[in-house]
N, C-alpha and C. Protein backbone atom coordinates (compact mmCIF):
# COMPACT_ATOMS: atom_id res chain seq x y z
N MET A 1 -10.66 -17.84 -28.92
CA MET A 1 -9.77 -18.68 -28.13
C MET A 1 -10.17 -20.13 -28.31
N ARG A 2 -9.23 -20.99 -28.54
CA ARG A 2 -9.46 -22.41 -28.75
C ARG A 2 -9.46 -23.12 -27.41
N ILE A 3 -10.46 -23.92 -27.16
CA ILE A 3 -10.55 -24.66 -25.89
C ILE A 3 -9.82 -25.97 -26.07
N THR A 4 -8.73 -26.11 -25.34
CA THR A 4 -7.93 -27.33 -25.38
C THR A 4 -8.42 -28.27 -24.29
N PRO A 5 -8.08 -29.55 -24.38
CA PRO A 5 -8.48 -30.49 -23.32
C PRO A 5 -7.95 -30.07 -21.95
N LEU A 6 -6.74 -29.51 -21.90
CA LEU A 6 -6.17 -29.09 -20.62
C LEU A 6 -6.95 -27.92 -20.03
N LEU A 7 -7.30 -26.94 -20.87
CA LEU A 7 -8.09 -25.81 -20.41
C LEU A 7 -9.47 -26.27 -19.94
N TYR A 8 -10.09 -27.17 -20.67
CA TYR A 8 -11.39 -27.71 -20.28
C TYR A 8 -11.30 -28.43 -18.94
N CYS A 9 -10.25 -29.17 -18.73
CA CYS A 9 -10.04 -29.90 -17.47
C CYS A 9 -9.87 -28.93 -16.31
N LYS A 10 -9.08 -27.88 -16.49
CA LYS A 10 -8.87 -26.88 -15.44
C LYS A 10 -10.18 -26.18 -15.09
N ALA A 11 -10.94 -25.78 -16.12
CA ALA A 11 -12.21 -25.10 -15.88
C ALA A 11 -13.18 -26.02 -15.14
N SER A 12 -13.21 -27.28 -15.52
CA SER A 12 -14.09 -28.24 -14.84
C SER A 12 -13.71 -28.41 -13.39
N LEU A 13 -12.42 -28.43 -13.11
CA LEU A 13 -11.94 -28.58 -11.74
C LEU A 13 -12.35 -27.38 -10.89
N VAL A 14 -12.21 -26.17 -11.42
CA VAL A 14 -12.60 -24.97 -10.68
C VAL A 14 -14.10 -24.99 -10.39
N ILE A 15 -14.90 -25.34 -11.38
CA ILE A 15 -16.35 -25.40 -11.17
C ILE A 15 -16.69 -26.46 -10.13
N ALA A 16 -16.03 -27.60 -10.19
CA ALA A 16 -16.28 -28.66 -9.20
C ALA A 16 -15.94 -28.20 -7.79
N ILE A 17 -14.83 -27.49 -7.62
CA ILE A 17 -14.45 -27.00 -6.30
C ILE A 17 -15.50 -26.03 -5.78
N ILE A 18 -15.98 -25.16 -6.64
CA ILE A 18 -17.01 -24.20 -6.22
C ILE A 18 -18.27 -24.93 -5.79
N LEU A 19 -18.69 -25.91 -6.59
CA LEU A 19 -19.93 -26.62 -6.27
C LEU A 19 -19.81 -27.46 -5.01
N VAL A 20 -18.67 -28.12 -4.83
CA VAL A 20 -18.49 -29.00 -3.68
C VAL A 20 -18.31 -28.19 -2.39
N SER A 21 -17.51 -27.15 -2.44
CA SER A 21 -17.19 -26.42 -1.21
C SER A 21 -18.15 -25.28 -0.93
N GLY A 22 -18.89 -24.87 -1.91
CA GLY A 22 -19.81 -23.73 -1.73
C GLY A 22 -19.10 -22.45 -2.12
N CYS A 23 -19.83 -21.57 -2.76
CA CYS A 23 -19.24 -20.33 -3.25
C CYS A 23 -18.64 -19.49 -2.13
N ALA A 24 -19.32 -19.39 -1.00
CA ALA A 24 -18.83 -18.53 0.08
C ALA A 24 -17.48 -19.00 0.59
N LEU A 25 -17.32 -20.32 0.77
CA LEU A 25 -16.05 -20.84 1.25
C LEU A 25 -14.96 -20.60 0.22
N PHE A 26 -15.26 -20.83 -1.07
CA PHE A 26 -14.28 -20.64 -2.12
C PHE A 26 -13.80 -19.19 -2.16
N VAL A 27 -14.72 -18.24 -2.13
CA VAL A 27 -14.36 -16.83 -2.15
C VAL A 27 -13.57 -16.47 -0.90
N ASP A 28 -13.95 -17.00 0.26
CA ASP A 28 -13.29 -16.68 1.52
C ASP A 28 -11.82 -17.09 1.53
N LEU A 29 -11.47 -18.14 0.78
CA LEU A 29 -10.07 -18.59 0.74
C LEU A 29 -9.15 -17.51 0.21
N PHE A 30 -9.67 -16.62 -0.63
CA PHE A 30 -8.83 -15.63 -1.28
C PHE A 30 -8.99 -14.23 -0.71
N ARG A 31 -9.81 -14.07 0.31
CA ARG A 31 -10.01 -12.74 0.88
C ARG A 31 -8.91 -12.41 1.87
N SER A 32 -8.74 -11.13 2.04
CA SER A 32 -7.80 -10.66 3.05
C SER A 32 -8.53 -10.57 4.38
N VAL A 33 -7.75 -10.40 5.42
CA VAL A 33 -8.31 -10.16 6.74
C VAL A 33 -8.57 -8.67 6.84
N GLU A 34 -9.75 -8.30 7.28
CA GLU A 34 -10.04 -6.89 7.44
C GLU A 34 -9.71 -6.48 8.86
N LEU A 35 -8.81 -5.52 8.99
CA LEU A 35 -8.45 -4.98 10.29
C LEU A 35 -9.45 -3.89 10.65
N SER A 36 -9.33 -3.36 11.85
CA SER A 36 -10.19 -2.24 12.24
C SER A 36 -9.95 -1.07 11.29
N GLU A 37 -10.86 -0.16 11.25
CA GLU A 37 -10.76 1.06 10.45
C GLU A 37 -10.69 0.80 8.94
N ASN A 38 -11.34 -0.29 8.52
CA ASN A 38 -11.46 -0.60 7.10
C ASN A 38 -10.11 -0.72 6.40
N ARG A 39 -9.17 -1.41 7.05
CA ARG A 39 -7.87 -1.71 6.45
C ARG A 39 -7.81 -3.20 6.16
N HIS A 40 -6.98 -3.58 5.19
CA HIS A 40 -6.86 -4.99 4.82
C HIS A 40 -5.43 -5.46 5.03
N PHE A 41 -5.32 -6.72 5.40
CA PHE A 41 -4.02 -7.35 5.60
C PHE A 41 -4.15 -8.78 5.10
N PRO A 42 -3.11 -9.33 4.49
CA PRO A 42 -3.23 -10.67 3.93
C PRO A 42 -3.49 -11.72 5.01
N ARG A 43 -4.38 -12.68 4.68
CA ARG A 43 -4.70 -13.76 5.62
C ARG A 43 -3.43 -14.55 5.97
N GLN A 44 -2.63 -14.82 4.96
CA GLN A 44 -1.34 -15.48 5.17
C GLN A 44 -0.27 -14.58 4.56
N PRO A 45 0.31 -13.68 5.37
CA PRO A 45 1.26 -12.70 4.83
C PRO A 45 2.43 -13.35 4.08
N ALA A 46 2.74 -12.78 2.94
CA ALA A 46 3.86 -13.25 2.13
C ALA A 46 4.64 -12.04 1.60
N PHE A 47 4.85 -11.06 2.48
CA PHE A 47 5.62 -9.89 2.08
C PHE A 47 7.05 -10.32 1.76
N SER A 48 7.61 -9.80 0.68
CA SER A 48 9.02 -10.10 0.38
C SER A 48 9.92 -9.18 1.19
N ILE A 49 9.36 -8.12 1.75
CA ILE A 49 10.11 -7.20 2.60
C ILE A 49 9.70 -7.43 4.04
N GLN A 50 10.65 -7.71 4.86
CA GLN A 50 10.40 -7.85 6.29
C GLN A 50 11.31 -6.86 7.01
N PRO A 51 10.80 -6.20 8.02
CA PRO A 51 11.68 -5.30 8.77
C PRO A 51 12.89 -6.07 9.28
N ASN A 52 14.07 -5.51 9.06
CA ASN A 52 15.29 -6.20 9.48
C ASN A 52 16.08 -5.37 10.49
N GLY A 53 15.38 -4.87 11.46
CA GLY A 53 16.06 -4.08 12.49
C GLY A 53 15.32 -2.79 12.74
N ARG A 54 15.98 -1.88 13.36
CA ARG A 54 15.37 -0.59 13.66
C ARG A 54 15.99 0.45 12.74
N TYR A 55 15.20 1.43 12.39
CA TYR A 55 15.60 2.40 11.38
C TYR A 55 15.72 3.82 11.92
N GLU A 56 16.12 3.97 13.17
CA GLU A 56 16.24 5.32 13.74
C GLU A 56 17.19 6.21 12.95
N ASN A 57 18.20 5.63 12.33
CA ASN A 57 19.21 6.41 11.60
C ASN A 57 19.03 6.32 10.08
N ALA A 58 17.82 6.08 9.63
CA ALA A 58 17.56 5.88 8.21
C ALA A 58 17.31 7.18 7.45
N GLY A 59 17.30 8.31 8.17
CA GLY A 59 17.05 9.58 7.51
C GLY A 59 15.57 9.95 7.43
N LEU A 60 14.70 9.13 8.00
CA LEU A 60 13.26 9.40 8.02
C LEU A 60 12.89 10.11 9.31
N ASP A 61 11.89 10.96 9.24
CA ASP A 61 11.36 11.63 10.43
C ASP A 61 10.08 10.89 10.82
N PHE A 62 10.10 10.21 11.97
CA PHE A 62 8.97 9.40 12.42
C PHE A 62 7.88 10.23 13.08
N ASN A 63 8.10 11.52 13.21
CA ASN A 63 7.08 12.44 13.71
C ASN A 63 6.60 13.38 12.60
N ALA A 64 6.65 12.86 11.39
CA ALA A 64 6.21 13.62 10.21
C ALA A 64 5.51 12.66 9.26
N VAL A 65 4.79 13.23 8.32
CA VAL A 65 4.31 12.46 7.18
C VAL A 65 5.02 13.03 5.96
N TYR A 66 5.09 12.24 4.91
CA TYR A 66 5.68 12.66 3.65
C TYR A 66 4.54 12.70 2.64
N TYR A 67 4.25 13.88 2.10
CA TYR A 67 3.06 14.04 1.28
C TYR A 67 3.39 14.57 -0.12
N ARG A 68 2.45 14.37 -1.01
CA ARG A 68 2.46 15.02 -2.31
C ARG A 68 1.02 15.37 -2.65
N SER A 69 0.85 16.49 -3.30
CA SER A 69 -0.48 16.90 -3.72
C SER A 69 -0.57 16.78 -5.24
N HIS A 70 -1.76 16.54 -5.72
CA HIS A 70 -1.95 16.51 -7.16
C HIS A 70 -3.37 16.94 -7.48
N GLU A 71 -3.51 17.54 -8.64
CA GLU A 71 -4.81 18.04 -9.08
C GLU A 71 -5.44 17.06 -10.06
N SER A 72 -6.74 16.91 -9.93
CA SER A 72 -7.51 16.05 -10.83
C SER A 72 -8.73 16.82 -11.32
N ARG A 73 -9.19 16.46 -12.48
CA ARG A 73 -10.38 17.09 -13.03
C ARG A 73 -11.53 16.10 -12.91
N GLY A 74 -12.57 16.53 -12.19
CA GLY A 74 -13.74 15.67 -11.99
C GLY A 74 -14.56 15.51 -13.25
N ARG A 75 -15.21 14.37 -13.35
CA ARG A 75 -16.10 14.12 -14.49
C ARG A 75 -17.52 14.04 -13.99
N PRO A 76 -18.50 14.49 -14.63
CA PRO A 76 -18.49 15.19 -15.92
C PRO A 76 -18.37 16.70 -15.77
N THR A 77 -18.27 17.19 -14.55
CA THR A 77 -18.32 18.63 -14.31
C THR A 77 -17.07 19.38 -14.75
N GLY A 78 -15.90 18.72 -14.73
CA GLY A 78 -14.66 19.38 -15.10
C GLY A 78 -14.06 20.20 -13.97
N VAL A 79 -14.64 20.10 -12.77
CA VAL A 79 -14.13 20.83 -11.62
C VAL A 79 -12.76 20.27 -11.22
N VAL A 80 -11.81 21.15 -11.00
CA VAL A 80 -10.47 20.73 -10.59
C VAL A 80 -10.43 20.67 -9.06
N TYR A 81 -9.92 19.56 -8.54
CA TYR A 81 -9.78 19.44 -7.09
C TYR A 81 -8.41 18.87 -6.76
N THR A 82 -7.94 19.20 -5.56
CA THR A 82 -6.62 18.76 -5.10
C THR A 82 -6.78 17.65 -4.08
N THR A 83 -5.97 16.61 -4.23
CA THR A 83 -5.94 15.54 -3.25
C THR A 83 -4.50 15.36 -2.77
N TYR A 84 -4.37 14.72 -1.63
CA TYR A 84 -3.06 14.50 -1.01
C TYR A 84 -2.86 13.02 -0.73
N ASN A 85 -1.69 12.54 -1.08
CA ASN A 85 -1.24 11.20 -0.69
C ASN A 85 -0.16 11.42 0.36
N TYR A 86 -0.19 10.62 1.41
CA TYR A 86 0.89 10.78 2.38
C TYR A 86 1.30 9.46 3.02
N TRP A 87 2.61 9.37 3.24
CA TRP A 87 3.25 8.22 3.87
C TRP A 87 3.50 8.50 5.34
N ARG A 88 3.42 7.45 6.15
CA ARG A 88 3.89 7.52 7.53
C ARG A 88 4.75 6.29 7.76
N PHE A 89 5.87 6.49 8.48
CA PHE A 89 6.83 5.41 8.75
C PHE A 89 7.08 5.31 10.25
N TRP A 90 7.45 4.11 10.69
CA TRP A 90 7.82 3.86 12.08
C TRP A 90 9.22 3.25 12.12
N PRO A 91 9.93 3.42 13.24
CA PRO A 91 11.29 2.89 13.33
C PRO A 91 11.38 1.37 13.22
N ASN A 92 10.26 0.65 13.44
CA ASN A 92 10.29 -0.82 13.40
C ASN A 92 10.12 -1.38 11.99
N GLY A 93 10.00 -0.53 10.97
CA GLY A 93 9.88 -1.01 9.60
C GLY A 93 8.47 -1.04 9.05
N CYS A 94 7.49 -0.59 9.81
CA CYS A 94 6.11 -0.53 9.31
C CYS A 94 5.89 0.77 8.54
N ALA A 95 5.01 0.70 7.54
CA ALA A 95 4.69 1.87 6.72
C ALA A 95 3.21 1.84 6.37
N MET A 96 2.66 3.03 6.13
CA MET A 96 1.30 3.12 5.60
C MET A 96 1.21 4.32 4.68
N ILE A 97 0.25 4.25 3.77
CA ILE A 97 -0.06 5.38 2.91
C ILE A 97 -1.56 5.61 2.98
N LYS A 98 -1.94 6.89 2.97
CA LYS A 98 -3.34 7.28 2.97
C LYS A 98 -3.55 8.39 1.95
N PHE A 99 -4.81 8.64 1.65
CA PHE A 99 -5.21 9.67 0.71
C PHE A 99 -6.24 10.55 1.38
N GLY A 100 -6.22 11.84 1.08
CA GLY A 100 -7.19 12.74 1.67
C GLY A 100 -7.36 14.01 0.86
N PRO A 101 -8.40 14.79 1.20
CA PRO A 101 -8.69 16.01 0.45
C PRO A 101 -7.89 17.23 0.88
N GLU A 102 -7.10 17.10 1.95
CA GLU A 102 -6.32 18.25 2.41
C GLU A 102 -5.00 17.78 3.03
N LEU A 103 -4.10 18.72 3.20
CA LEU A 103 -2.82 18.41 3.83
C LEU A 103 -3.09 17.83 5.22
N PRO A 104 -2.54 16.66 5.51
CA PRO A 104 -2.88 16.00 6.77
C PRO A 104 -2.39 16.76 8.00
N ARG A 105 -3.24 16.73 9.02
CA ARG A 105 -2.90 17.25 10.34
C ARG A 105 -2.56 16.05 11.21
N ARG A 106 -2.20 16.31 12.44
CA ARG A 106 -1.83 15.26 13.37
C ARG A 106 -2.95 14.22 13.50
N GLU A 107 -4.20 14.68 13.58
CA GLU A 107 -5.34 13.77 13.74
C GLU A 107 -5.42 12.77 12.60
N GLU A 108 -5.20 13.24 11.37
CA GLU A 108 -5.24 12.32 10.22
C GLU A 108 -4.07 11.34 10.24
N ALA A 109 -2.91 11.80 10.66
CA ALA A 109 -1.74 10.91 10.73
C ALA A 109 -1.90 9.83 11.78
N GLU A 110 -2.68 10.12 12.82
CA GLU A 110 -2.92 9.15 13.89
C GLU A 110 -4.13 8.26 13.60
N ASP A 111 -4.87 8.55 12.53
CA ASP A 111 -6.05 7.78 12.15
C ASP A 111 -5.67 6.84 11.01
N PHE A 112 -5.86 5.55 11.18
CA PHE A 112 -5.46 4.56 10.17
C PHE A 112 -6.61 4.16 9.26
N THR A 113 -7.75 4.84 9.32
CA THR A 113 -8.92 4.47 8.53
C THR A 113 -8.59 4.48 7.04
N ARG A 114 -8.91 3.36 6.39
CA ARG A 114 -8.70 3.16 4.95
C ARG A 114 -7.24 3.33 4.51
N ALA A 115 -6.32 3.07 5.40
CA ALA A 115 -4.90 3.15 5.03
C ALA A 115 -4.46 1.85 4.38
N TYR A 116 -3.49 1.93 3.50
CA TYR A 116 -2.84 0.75 2.94
C TYR A 116 -1.57 0.54 3.74
N VAL A 117 -1.39 -0.67 4.23
CA VAL A 117 -0.30 -0.91 5.18
C VAL A 117 0.69 -1.94 4.65
N GLY A 118 1.91 -1.88 5.20
CA GLY A 118 2.95 -2.82 4.82
C GLY A 118 4.24 -2.52 5.55
N TYR A 119 5.36 -2.79 4.87
CA TYR A 119 6.67 -2.68 5.49
C TYR A 119 7.65 -1.96 4.55
N TYR A 120 8.75 -1.51 5.13
CA TYR A 120 9.78 -0.86 4.32
C TYR A 120 11.15 -1.28 4.83
N GLN A 121 12.16 -1.07 3.97
CA GLN A 121 13.57 -1.23 4.33
C GLN A 121 14.33 -0.05 3.74
N VAL A 122 15.36 0.38 4.46
CA VAL A 122 16.23 1.45 3.97
C VAL A 122 17.67 0.96 4.03
N SER A 123 18.39 1.19 2.94
CA SER A 123 19.80 0.85 2.89
C SER A 123 20.50 1.92 2.06
N ASN A 124 21.47 2.61 2.67
CA ASN A 124 22.22 3.67 1.97
C ASN A 124 21.28 4.68 1.31
N SER A 125 20.28 5.11 2.02
CA SER A 125 19.27 6.09 1.62
C SER A 125 18.34 5.61 0.50
N GLU A 126 18.47 4.36 0.09
CA GLU A 126 17.51 3.78 -0.87
C GLU A 126 16.41 3.10 -0.06
N ILE A 127 15.15 3.42 -0.38
CA ILE A 127 14.02 2.87 0.35
C ILE A 127 13.21 1.95 -0.56
N VAL A 128 12.78 0.83 -0.01
CA VAL A 128 11.88 -0.10 -0.69
C VAL A 128 10.70 -0.30 0.24
N ILE A 129 9.50 -0.09 -0.29
CA ILE A 129 8.28 -0.19 0.49
C ILE A 129 7.38 -1.21 -0.17
N GLN A 130 6.79 -2.09 0.62
CA GLN A 130 5.84 -3.05 0.07
C GLN A 130 4.53 -2.94 0.84
N LEU A 131 3.45 -2.77 0.09
CA LEU A 131 2.12 -2.60 0.66
C LEU A 131 1.18 -3.67 0.12
N TYR A 132 0.10 -3.86 0.83
CA TYR A 132 -0.98 -4.74 0.40
C TYR A 132 -2.08 -3.84 -0.13
N VAL A 133 -2.32 -3.86 -1.45
CA VAL A 133 -3.20 -2.89 -2.09
C VAL A 133 -4.18 -3.58 -3.05
N PRO A 134 -5.32 -2.94 -3.31
CA PRO A 134 -6.25 -3.52 -4.30
C PRO A 134 -5.74 -3.26 -5.72
N TYR A 135 -5.83 -4.27 -6.55
CA TYR A 135 -5.41 -4.15 -7.95
C TYR A 135 -6.38 -5.00 -8.77
N CYS A 136 -7.14 -4.38 -9.63
CA CYS A 136 -8.14 -5.08 -10.44
C CYS A 136 -9.09 -5.91 -9.56
N ASP A 137 -9.57 -5.30 -8.52
CA ASP A 137 -10.53 -5.91 -7.58
C ASP A 137 -9.99 -7.09 -6.79
N VAL A 138 -8.68 -7.26 -6.79
CA VAL A 138 -8.04 -8.31 -6.00
C VAL A 138 -6.93 -7.66 -5.18
N TRP A 139 -6.76 -8.08 -3.94
CA TRP A 139 -5.69 -7.53 -3.10
C TRP A 139 -4.38 -8.20 -3.46
N ARG A 140 -3.35 -7.36 -3.68
CA ARG A 140 -2.03 -7.86 -4.09
C ARG A 140 -0.94 -7.05 -3.39
N TYR A 141 0.31 -7.49 -3.57
CA TYR A 141 1.46 -6.77 -3.04
C TYR A 141 1.98 -5.80 -4.08
N GLY A 142 2.16 -4.56 -3.69
CA GLY A 142 2.77 -3.55 -4.55
C GLY A 142 4.08 -3.12 -3.91
N THR A 143 5.12 -2.96 -4.72
CA THR A 143 6.43 -2.59 -4.20
C THR A 143 6.86 -1.27 -4.82
N ILE A 144 7.33 -0.38 -3.98
CA ILE A 144 7.71 0.97 -4.38
C ILE A 144 9.19 1.17 -4.08
N TYR A 145 9.93 1.76 -5.01
CA TYR A 145 11.36 1.98 -4.86
C TYR A 145 11.64 3.48 -4.92
N GLY A 146 12.46 3.96 -4.00
CA GLY A 146 12.76 5.38 -3.99
C GLY A 146 14.04 5.72 -3.27
N HIS A 147 14.19 7.02 -2.99
CA HIS A 147 15.40 7.55 -2.39
C HIS A 147 15.01 8.53 -1.28
N VAL A 148 15.58 8.34 -0.09
CA VAL A 148 15.32 9.22 1.05
C VAL A 148 16.31 10.37 1.03
N GLU A 149 15.78 11.59 1.10
CA GLU A 149 16.60 12.79 1.19
C GLU A 149 16.28 13.49 2.49
N SER A 150 16.94 14.58 2.79
CA SER A 150 16.77 15.22 4.10
C SER A 150 15.34 15.69 4.37
N ASN A 151 14.65 16.21 3.36
CA ASN A 151 13.29 16.72 3.56
C ASN A 151 12.27 16.13 2.60
N SER A 152 12.62 15.01 1.98
CA SER A 152 11.69 14.42 1.01
C SER A 152 12.04 12.97 0.73
N ILE A 153 11.13 12.32 0.04
CA ILE A 153 11.35 10.99 -0.51
C ILE A 153 10.97 11.06 -1.98
N THR A 154 11.85 10.61 -2.85
CA THR A 154 11.57 10.58 -4.28
C THR A 154 11.32 9.15 -4.70
N ILE A 155 10.13 8.89 -5.24
CA ILE A 155 9.77 7.56 -5.72
C ILE A 155 10.18 7.47 -7.18
N ALA A 156 10.90 6.39 -7.54
CA ALA A 156 11.40 6.24 -8.90
C ALA A 156 10.59 5.24 -9.72
N HIS A 157 10.21 4.13 -9.12
CA HIS A 157 9.37 3.17 -9.85
C HIS A 157 8.61 2.27 -8.88
N GLU A 158 7.58 1.62 -9.44
CA GLU A 158 6.70 0.75 -8.67
C GLU A 158 6.48 -0.53 -9.46
N THR A 159 6.22 -1.61 -8.74
CA THR A 159 5.84 -2.85 -9.40
C THR A 159 4.63 -3.43 -8.68
N ILE A 160 3.77 -4.03 -9.46
CA ILE A 160 2.66 -4.79 -8.91
C ILE A 160 2.35 -5.91 -9.90
N ARG A 161 2.30 -7.09 -9.38
CA ARG A 161 2.03 -8.29 -10.19
C ARG A 161 2.93 -8.35 -11.42
N HIS A 162 4.21 -8.15 -11.22
CA HIS A 162 5.25 -8.22 -12.25
C HIS A 162 5.12 -7.14 -13.33
N ILE A 163 4.33 -6.12 -13.08
CA ILE A 163 4.22 -4.98 -14.00
C ILE A 163 5.00 -3.83 -13.38
N GLU A 164 5.98 -3.33 -14.09
CA GLU A 164 6.80 -2.25 -13.57
C GLU A 164 6.38 -0.93 -14.19
N MET A 165 6.23 0.08 -13.34
CA MET A 165 5.84 1.42 -13.79
C MET A 165 6.91 2.41 -13.35
N THR A 166 7.43 3.18 -14.27
CA THR A 166 8.39 4.22 -13.94
C THR A 166 7.60 5.47 -13.59
N VAL A 167 7.91 6.03 -12.44
CA VAL A 167 7.22 7.24 -11.98
C VAL A 167 8.27 8.18 -11.41
N ARG A 168 7.89 9.41 -11.23
CA ARG A 168 8.73 10.35 -10.49
C ARG A 168 7.80 11.15 -9.62
N GLU A 169 7.73 10.75 -8.37
CA GLU A 169 6.87 11.41 -7.40
C GLU A 169 7.73 11.85 -6.23
N VAL A 170 7.60 13.10 -5.85
CA VAL A 170 8.35 13.63 -4.73
C VAL A 170 7.37 13.87 -3.58
N TYR A 171 7.66 13.25 -2.45
CA TYR A 171 6.87 13.42 -1.23
C TYR A 171 7.65 14.30 -0.27
N LEU A 172 7.07 15.42 0.10
CA LEU A 172 7.74 16.39 0.97
C LEU A 172 7.46 16.08 2.44
N LYS A 173 8.46 16.32 3.28
CA LYS A 173 8.29 16.10 4.71
C LYS A 173 7.39 17.17 5.31
N HIS A 174 6.46 16.73 6.15
CA HIS A 174 5.52 17.62 6.83
C HIS A 174 5.52 17.25 8.31
N PRO A 175 6.35 17.92 9.14
CA PRO A 175 6.44 17.60 10.58
C PRO A 175 5.10 17.85 11.27
N LEU A 176 4.74 16.93 12.19
CA LEU A 176 3.46 17.03 12.88
C LEU A 176 3.60 16.96 14.40
N GLY A 177 4.80 17.07 14.91
CA GLY A 177 4.96 16.97 16.36
C GLY A 177 5.12 15.52 16.79
N ASN A 178 4.81 15.25 18.02
CA ASN A 178 5.01 13.91 18.59
C ASN A 178 3.86 12.98 18.21
N LEU A 179 4.07 12.15 17.18
CA LEU A 179 3.07 11.17 16.77
C LEU A 179 3.20 9.94 17.66
N ARG A 180 2.08 9.48 18.22
CA ARG A 180 2.13 8.42 19.22
C ARG A 180 1.61 7.06 18.79
N ARG A 181 0.61 7.04 17.93
CA ARG A 181 -0.03 5.77 17.61
C ARG A 181 0.93 4.83 16.89
N GLN A 182 0.96 3.59 17.38
CA GLN A 182 1.85 2.58 16.83
C GLN A 182 1.08 1.65 15.90
N PRO A 183 1.74 1.04 14.93
CA PRO A 183 1.08 0.15 14.01
C PRO A 183 0.61 -1.14 14.70
N ASP A 184 -0.44 -1.75 14.17
CA ASP A 184 -0.94 -3.01 14.72
C ASP A 184 -0.85 -4.14 13.69
N TRP A 185 0.03 -4.01 12.71
CA TRP A 185 0.22 -5.05 11.71
C TRP A 185 1.62 -5.57 11.74
């Protein structure tokens, strides 16, 4: 790579900011706010999706989670294990996704520990979800596009940092009774 005067100037400016302000302050400017239960939320939220009303008639079951299971092969042992990803939605437009080693029960759905949180919108059974997630050791916004059906949600594609990924993931509805805990983001 050829070092141009402009690149040299930019690098010098970054180094000067670090030296003048101190490394801790510089790093802190880019960190997220850590919520309880080891969740992260942007210090200055810039979600492109904002809840725009209530979604009681959006076709989602707010007393259920939507899950998918998948098998992975551990390294170096080669042992196959099953993990579960599951979504939870609220009528106010909040959403979260969590991961676990078994099909979630009510207790897991009410526990927000290590959940990725954000917002969703539904229009004509098309759902768009935006979460704050780690990507290459930096927290960023990821956007998921899908379709709500009577007993499932089908995810069609995702984007993060202008990279689009085509996927086909089906999350099945798993009713859990009366879920009470409300989001705090």
